Amino acid sequence: MAQISNIYIDQGCDFSITIDVTDAAGNVLDMTDYTAEAQIRKTYSSSSVTSTFTTAINETGGQVNVSLTSTQTSAIESGRYVYDVNVTDASGSTSRVVEGQAIITPGVTR
């Protein structure tokens, strides 16, 4: 089961978080040959993607970094969204490692 973690993203700013991925015993997961993908949508049932995170994996460190550029966050209207991060191993098995709400906070400085 995925961890639940709400994130706050400042509209118009770069955003980046690193997620630690562990196995069922709590050990760092060796993520060699894994891929990751992560998206934001308005609701779980939305057919359109609001934004797609850039992902990077630290294979031996068991970490996934997800990020958005300031251009991407500027294009998202302020409000509440949902997001998740999925990883896929070399055999094609996919797991959701984290999910939650993505709250886009509006900015003042332009």
N, C-alpha and C. Protein backbone atom coordinates (compact mmCIF):
# COMPACT_ATOMS: atom_id res chain seq x y z
N MET A 1 0.84 -1.18 0.00
CA MET A 1 0.00 0.00 0.00
C MET A 1 0.88 1.24 0.00
N ALA A 2 0.47 2.24 -0.75
CA ALA A 2 1.23 3.48 -0.88
C ALA A 2 1.15 4.32 0.39
N GLN A 3 2.21 5.04 0.64
CA GLN A 3 2.20 6.04 1.71
C GLN A 3 1.32 7.20 1.25
N ILE A 4 0.68 7.86 2.18
CA ILE A 4 -0.13 9.02 1.84
C ILE A 4 0.61 10.25 2.36
N SER A 5 0.85 11.20 1.45
CA SER A 5 1.57 12.41 1.81
C SER A 5 1.05 13.56 0.95
N ASN A 6 0.48 14.56 1.60
CA ASN A 6 0.02 15.73 0.87
C ASN A 6 1.20 16.66 0.62
N ILE A 7 1.21 17.27 -0.57
CA ILE A 7 2.31 18.18 -0.92
C ILE A 7 1.74 19.56 -1.23
N TYR A 8 2.54 20.57 -0.97
CA TYR A 8 2.19 21.96 -1.26
C TYR A 8 3.16 22.47 -2.32
N ILE A 9 2.62 22.98 -3.40
CA ILE A 9 3.42 23.45 -4.52
C ILE A 9 3.13 24.94 -4.71
N ASP A 10 4.17 25.75 -4.66
CA ASP A 10 4.02 27.19 -4.87
C ASP A 10 3.92 27.47 -6.37
N GLN A 11 2.80 28.05 -6.76
CA GLN A 11 2.57 28.38 -8.17
C GLN A 11 3.67 29.33 -8.65
N GLY A 12 4.24 29.05 -9.82
CA GLY A 12 5.27 29.89 -10.40
C GLY A 12 6.67 29.63 -9.89
N CYS A 13 6.84 28.61 -9.06
CA CYS A 13 8.17 28.28 -8.50
C CYS A 13 8.56 26.86 -8.88
N ASP A 14 9.87 26.62 -8.88
CA ASP A 14 10.35 25.24 -9.07
C ASP A 14 9.93 24.41 -7.87
N PHE A 15 9.65 23.13 -8.10
CA PHE A 15 9.24 22.22 -7.04
C PHE A 15 10.00 20.91 -7.19
N SER A 16 10.45 20.35 -6.07
CA SER A 16 11.15 19.07 -6.09
C SER A 16 11.04 18.40 -4.72
N ILE A 17 10.76 17.11 -4.73
CA ILE A 17 10.81 16.32 -3.49
C ILE A 17 11.49 14.99 -3.80
N THR A 18 12.09 14.42 -2.76
CA THR A 18 12.71 13.11 -2.88
C THR A 18 11.96 12.15 -1.98
N ILE A 19 11.61 11.01 -2.54
CA ILE A 19 10.82 9.99 -1.83
C ILE A 19 11.72 8.80 -1.55
N ASP A 20 11.79 8.40 -0.29
CA ASP A 20 12.53 7.20 0.09
C ASP A 20 11.64 5.99 -0.11
N VAL A 21 12.15 4.98 -0.83
CA VAL A 21 11.37 3.78 -1.12
C VAL A 21 11.99 2.60 -0.38
N THR A 22 11.15 1.91 0.40
CA THR A 22 11.62 0.75 1.17
C THR A 22 10.79 -0.48 0.82
N ASP A 23 11.34 -1.64 1.16
CA ASP A 23 10.59 -2.88 0.96
C ASP A 23 9.67 -3.12 2.16
N ALA A 24 8.97 -4.24 2.18
CA ALA A 24 8.00 -4.54 3.24
C ALA A 24 8.65 -4.61 4.63
N ALA A 25 9.95 -4.94 4.67
CA ALA A 25 10.66 -5.03 5.95
C ALA A 25 11.25 -3.69 6.39
N GLY A 26 11.08 -2.66 5.57
CA GLY A 26 11.60 -1.35 5.91
C GLY A 26 13.02 -1.09 5.44
N ASN A 27 13.58 -2.00 4.65
CA ASN A 27 14.93 -1.84 4.11
C ASN A 27 14.90 -1.01 2.84
N VAL A 28 15.98 -0.28 2.58
CA VAL A 28 16.08 0.51 1.35
C VAL A 28 15.93 -0.44 0.17
N LEU A 29 15.07 -0.06 -0.77
CA LEU A 29 14.81 -0.90 -1.94
C LEU A 29 15.85 -0.62 -3.02
N ASP A 30 16.53 -1.67 -3.50
CA ASP A 30 17.44 -1.52 -4.63
C ASP A 30 16.58 -1.32 -5.87
N MET A 31 16.67 -0.16 -6.48
CA MET A 31 15.80 0.19 -7.60
C MET A 31 16.52 0.12 -8.94
N THR A 32 17.54 -0.75 -9.03
CA THR A 32 18.24 -0.94 -10.30
C THR A 32 17.25 -1.42 -11.35
N ASP A 33 17.27 -0.78 -12.50
CA ASP A 33 16.39 -1.08 -13.64
C ASP A 33 14.93 -0.74 -13.40
N TYR A 34 14.64 0.09 -12.42
CA TYR A 34 13.28 0.58 -12.19
C TYR A 34 13.05 1.84 -13.02
N THR A 35 11.80 2.10 -13.32
CA THR A 35 11.39 3.38 -13.89
C THR A 35 10.33 3.97 -12.97
N ALA A 36 10.11 5.27 -13.10
CA ALA A 36 9.11 5.93 -12.26
C ALA A 36 8.31 6.89 -13.12
N GLU A 37 7.05 7.08 -12.74
CA GLU A 37 6.23 8.10 -13.36
C GLU A 37 5.30 8.68 -12.32
N ALA A 38 4.97 9.97 -12.50
CA ALA A 38 4.14 10.66 -11.53
C ALA A 38 3.34 11.75 -12.24
N GLN A 39 2.09 11.88 -11.83
CA GLN A 39 1.19 12.85 -12.45
C GLN A 39 0.34 13.57 -11.42
N ILE A 40 -0.16 14.73 -11.82
CA ILE A 40 -1.16 15.48 -11.07
C ILE A 40 -2.41 15.53 -11.93
N ARG A 41 -3.55 15.27 -11.30
CA ARG A 41 -4.85 15.40 -11.97
C ARG A 41 -5.79 16.15 -11.03
N LYS A 42 -6.85 16.73 -11.59
CA LYS A 42 -7.80 17.48 -10.75
C LYS A 42 -8.51 16.54 -9.79
N THR A 43 -8.94 15.38 -10.27
CA THR A 43 -9.58 14.36 -9.42
C THR A 43 -9.05 13.00 -9.84
N TYR A 44 -9.33 12.00 -9.02
CA TYR A 44 -8.90 10.64 -9.36
C TYR A 44 -9.51 10.15 -10.66
N SER A 45 -10.71 10.62 -10.98
CA SER A 45 -11.40 10.15 -12.19
C SER A 45 -11.17 11.04 -13.40
N SER A 46 -10.36 12.09 -13.28
CA SER A 46 -10.10 12.98 -14.41
C SER A 46 -9.44 12.22 -15.56
N SER A 47 -9.93 12.47 -16.77
CA SER A 47 -9.33 11.82 -17.93
C SER A 47 -8.11 12.58 -18.44
N SER A 48 -7.97 13.85 -18.06
CA SER A 48 -6.83 14.63 -18.53
C SER A 48 -5.81 14.84 -17.41
N VAL A 49 -4.56 14.85 -17.80
CA VAL A 49 -3.46 15.07 -16.87
C VAL A 49 -3.25 16.57 -16.71
N THR A 50 -3.18 17.05 -15.49
CA THR A 50 -2.92 18.46 -15.23
C THR A 50 -1.44 18.77 -15.45
N SER A 51 -0.56 17.91 -14.94
CA SER A 51 0.87 18.08 -15.13
C SER A 51 1.57 16.74 -14.87
N THR A 52 2.70 16.55 -15.54
CA THR A 52 3.51 15.34 -15.36
C THR A 52 4.84 15.74 -14.74
N PHE A 53 5.18 15.09 -13.64
CA PHE A 53 6.46 15.34 -12.98
C PHE A 53 7.61 14.76 -13.80
N THR A 54 8.76 15.39 -13.72
CA THR A 54 10.00 14.78 -14.19
C THR A 54 10.48 13.90 -13.04
N THR A 55 10.91 12.68 -13.36
CA THR A 55 11.34 11.75 -12.32
C THR A 55 12.79 11.34 -12.52
N ALA A 56 13.48 11.09 -11.42
CA ALA A 56 14.85 10.58 -11.44
C ALA A 56 14.98 9.59 -10.30
N ILE A 57 15.65 8.47 -10.58
CA ILE A 57 15.79 7.41 -9.58
C ILE A 57 17.24 7.30 -9.13
N ASN A 58 17.45 7.25 -7.81
CA ASN A 58 18.73 6.90 -7.21
C ASN A 58 18.63 5.40 -6.96
N GLU A 59 19.17 4.59 -7.88
CA GLU A 59 18.94 3.14 -7.87
C GLU A 59 19.35 2.47 -6.57
N THR A 60 20.59 2.68 -6.13
CA THR A 60 21.06 1.97 -4.94
C THR A 60 20.63 2.67 -3.65
N GLY A 61 20.25 3.93 -3.74
CA GLY A 61 19.80 4.66 -2.57
C GLY A 61 18.32 4.50 -2.29
N GLY A 62 17.59 3.85 -3.22
CA GLY A 62 16.17 3.63 -3.02
C GLY A 62 15.36 4.92 -2.95
N GLN A 63 15.69 5.86 -3.83
CA GLN A 63 14.99 7.14 -3.82
C GLN A 63 14.48 7.51 -5.20
N VAL A 64 13.34 8.19 -5.19
CA VAL A 64 12.78 8.75 -6.42
C VAL A 64 12.62 10.24 -6.19
N ASN A 65 13.16 11.03 -7.11
CA ASN A 65 12.99 12.47 -7.06
C ASN A 65 11.96 12.85 -8.11
N VAL A 66 10.97 13.65 -7.71
CA VAL A 66 9.97 14.15 -8.65
C VAL A 66 10.03 15.68 -8.63
N SER A 67 9.93 16.29 -9.80
CA SER A 67 10.07 17.74 -9.86
C SER A 67 9.20 18.34 -10.95
N LEU A 68 8.92 19.63 -10.76
CA LEU A 68 8.22 20.45 -11.73
C LEU A 68 9.00 21.75 -11.88
N THR A 69 9.02 22.30 -13.09
CA THR A 69 9.67 23.58 -13.31
C THR A 69 8.71 24.71 -12.95
N SER A 70 9.26 25.92 -12.83
CA SER A 70 8.41 27.08 -12.55
C SER A 70 7.41 27.31 -13.68
N THR A 71 7.80 26.99 -14.91
CA THR A 71 6.87 27.13 -16.04
C THR A 71 5.69 26.17 -15.87
N GLN A 72 5.97 24.94 -15.45
CA GLN A 72 4.90 23.97 -15.23
C GLN A 72 3.97 24.41 -14.10
N THR A 73 4.53 24.85 -12.98
CA THR A 73 3.68 25.23 -11.85
C THR A 73 2.89 26.50 -12.15
N SER A 74 3.43 27.37 -12.99
CA SER A 74 2.69 28.58 -13.39
C SER A 74 1.44 28.24 -14.19
N ALA A 75 1.50 27.12 -14.91
CA ALA A 75 0.39 26.72 -15.77
C ALA A 75 -0.73 26.00 -15.01
N ILE A 76 -0.52 25.72 -13.73
CA ILE A 76 -1.54 25.02 -12.93
C ILE A 76 -2.32 26.05 -12.12
N GLU A 77 -3.64 26.05 -12.26
CA GLU A 77 -4.46 26.96 -11.46
C GLU A 77 -4.35 26.57 -9.99
N SER A 78 -4.42 27.57 -9.12
CA SER A 78 -4.35 27.27 -7.69
C SER A 78 -5.55 26.41 -7.29
N GLY A 79 -5.34 25.59 -6.28
CA GLY A 79 -6.41 24.72 -5.79
C GLY A 79 -5.90 23.37 -5.38
N ARG A 80 -6.85 22.46 -5.13
CA ARG A 80 -6.52 21.09 -4.70
C ARG A 80 -6.58 20.12 -5.88
N TYR A 81 -5.59 19.27 -5.93
CA TYR A 81 -5.47 18.25 -6.96
C TYR A 81 -5.08 16.94 -6.27
N VAL A 82 -4.93 15.88 -7.03
CA VAL A 82 -4.41 14.62 -6.51
C VAL A 82 -3.18 14.24 -7.33
N TYR A 83 -2.30 13.47 -6.71
CA TYR A 83 -1.10 13.03 -7.41
C TYR A 83 -0.74 11.63 -6.91
N ASP A 84 0.08 10.95 -7.68
CA ASP A 84 0.71 9.72 -7.20
C ASP A 84 2.02 9.50 -7.92
N VAL A 85 2.83 8.62 -7.34
CA VAL A 85 4.12 8.24 -7.91
C VAL A 85 4.13 6.72 -8.00
N ASN A 86 4.31 6.21 -9.21
CA ASN A 86 4.38 4.77 -9.44
C ASN A 86 5.79 4.39 -9.88
N VAL A 87 6.25 3.22 -9.44
CA VAL A 87 7.53 2.68 -9.90
C VAL A 87 7.26 1.33 -10.55
N THR A 88 8.06 1.02 -11.57
CA THR A 88 7.92 -0.25 -12.30
C THR A 88 9.28 -0.93 -12.33
N ASP A 89 9.32 -2.21 -11.93
CA ASP A 89 10.58 -2.95 -11.94
C ASP A 89 10.84 -3.55 -13.31
N ALA A 90 11.99 -4.20 -13.47
CA ALA A 90 12.41 -4.74 -14.76
C ALA A 90 11.45 -5.78 -15.31
N SER A 91 10.70 -6.46 -14.43
CA SER A 91 9.76 -7.49 -14.90
C SER A 91 8.43 -6.89 -15.33
N GLY A 92 8.24 -5.58 -15.10
CA GLY A 92 7.00 -4.92 -15.50
C GLY A 92 5.98 -4.77 -14.38
N SER A 93 6.34 -5.17 -13.17
CA SER A 93 5.44 -5.05 -12.03
C SER A 93 5.45 -3.60 -11.53
N THR A 94 4.26 -3.01 -11.45
CA THR A 94 4.13 -1.61 -11.03
C THR A 94 3.57 -1.50 -9.63
N SER A 95 4.14 -0.58 -8.84
CA SER A 95 3.68 -0.32 -7.48
C SER A 95 3.53 1.18 -7.29
N ARG A 96 2.52 1.57 -6.55
CA ARG A 96 2.36 2.98 -6.17
C ARG A 96 3.10 3.16 -4.86
N VAL A 97 4.04 4.13 -4.82
CA VAL A 97 4.83 4.31 -3.61
C VAL A 97 4.33 5.46 -2.75
N VAL A 98 3.70 6.45 -3.34
CA VAL A 98 3.14 7.56 -2.57
C VAL A 98 1.99 8.17 -3.35
N GLU A 99 1.01 8.70 -2.61
CA GLU A 99 -0.12 9.38 -3.22
C GLU A 99 -0.68 10.39 -2.22
N GLY A 100 -1.47 11.30 -2.72
CA GLY A 100 -2.10 12.27 -1.83
C GLY A 100 -2.63 13.47 -2.58
N GLN A 101 -2.87 14.52 -1.83
CA GLN A 101 -3.33 15.75 -2.44
C GLN A 101 -2.13 16.63 -2.79
N ALA A 102 -2.26 17.32 -3.91
CA ALA A 102 -1.27 18.33 -4.31
C ALA A 102 -2.00 19.66 -4.23
N ILE A 103 -1.60 20.49 -3.29
CA ILE A 103 -2.24 21.79 -3.12
C ILE A 103 -1.37 22.83 -3.78
N ILE A 104 -1.92 23.49 -4.80
CA ILE A 104 -1.20 24.53 -5.52
C ILE A 104 -1.55 25.86 -4.87
N THR A 105 -0.56 26.53 -4.29
CA THR A 105 -0.79 27.79 -3.62
C THR A 105 -0.46 28.94 -4.58
N PRO A 106 -1.36 29.93 -4.69
CA PRO A 106 -1.14 31.02 -5.63
C PRO A 106 0.00 31.92 -5.17
N GLY A 107 0.65 32.54 -6.15
CA GLY A 107 1.74 33.46 -5.84
C GLY A 107 1.30 34.91 -6.05
N VAL A 108 2.05 35.82 -5.51
CA VAL A 108 1.80 37.24 -5.66
C VAL A 108 2.82 37.87 -6.60
N THR A 109 4.10 37.53 -6.41
CA THR A 109 5.17 38.12 -7.19
C THR A 109 5.17 37.54 -8.59
N ARG A 110 5.21 38.43 -9.59
CA ARG A 110 5.20 37.98 -10.99
C ARG A 110 6.31 38.65 -11.76
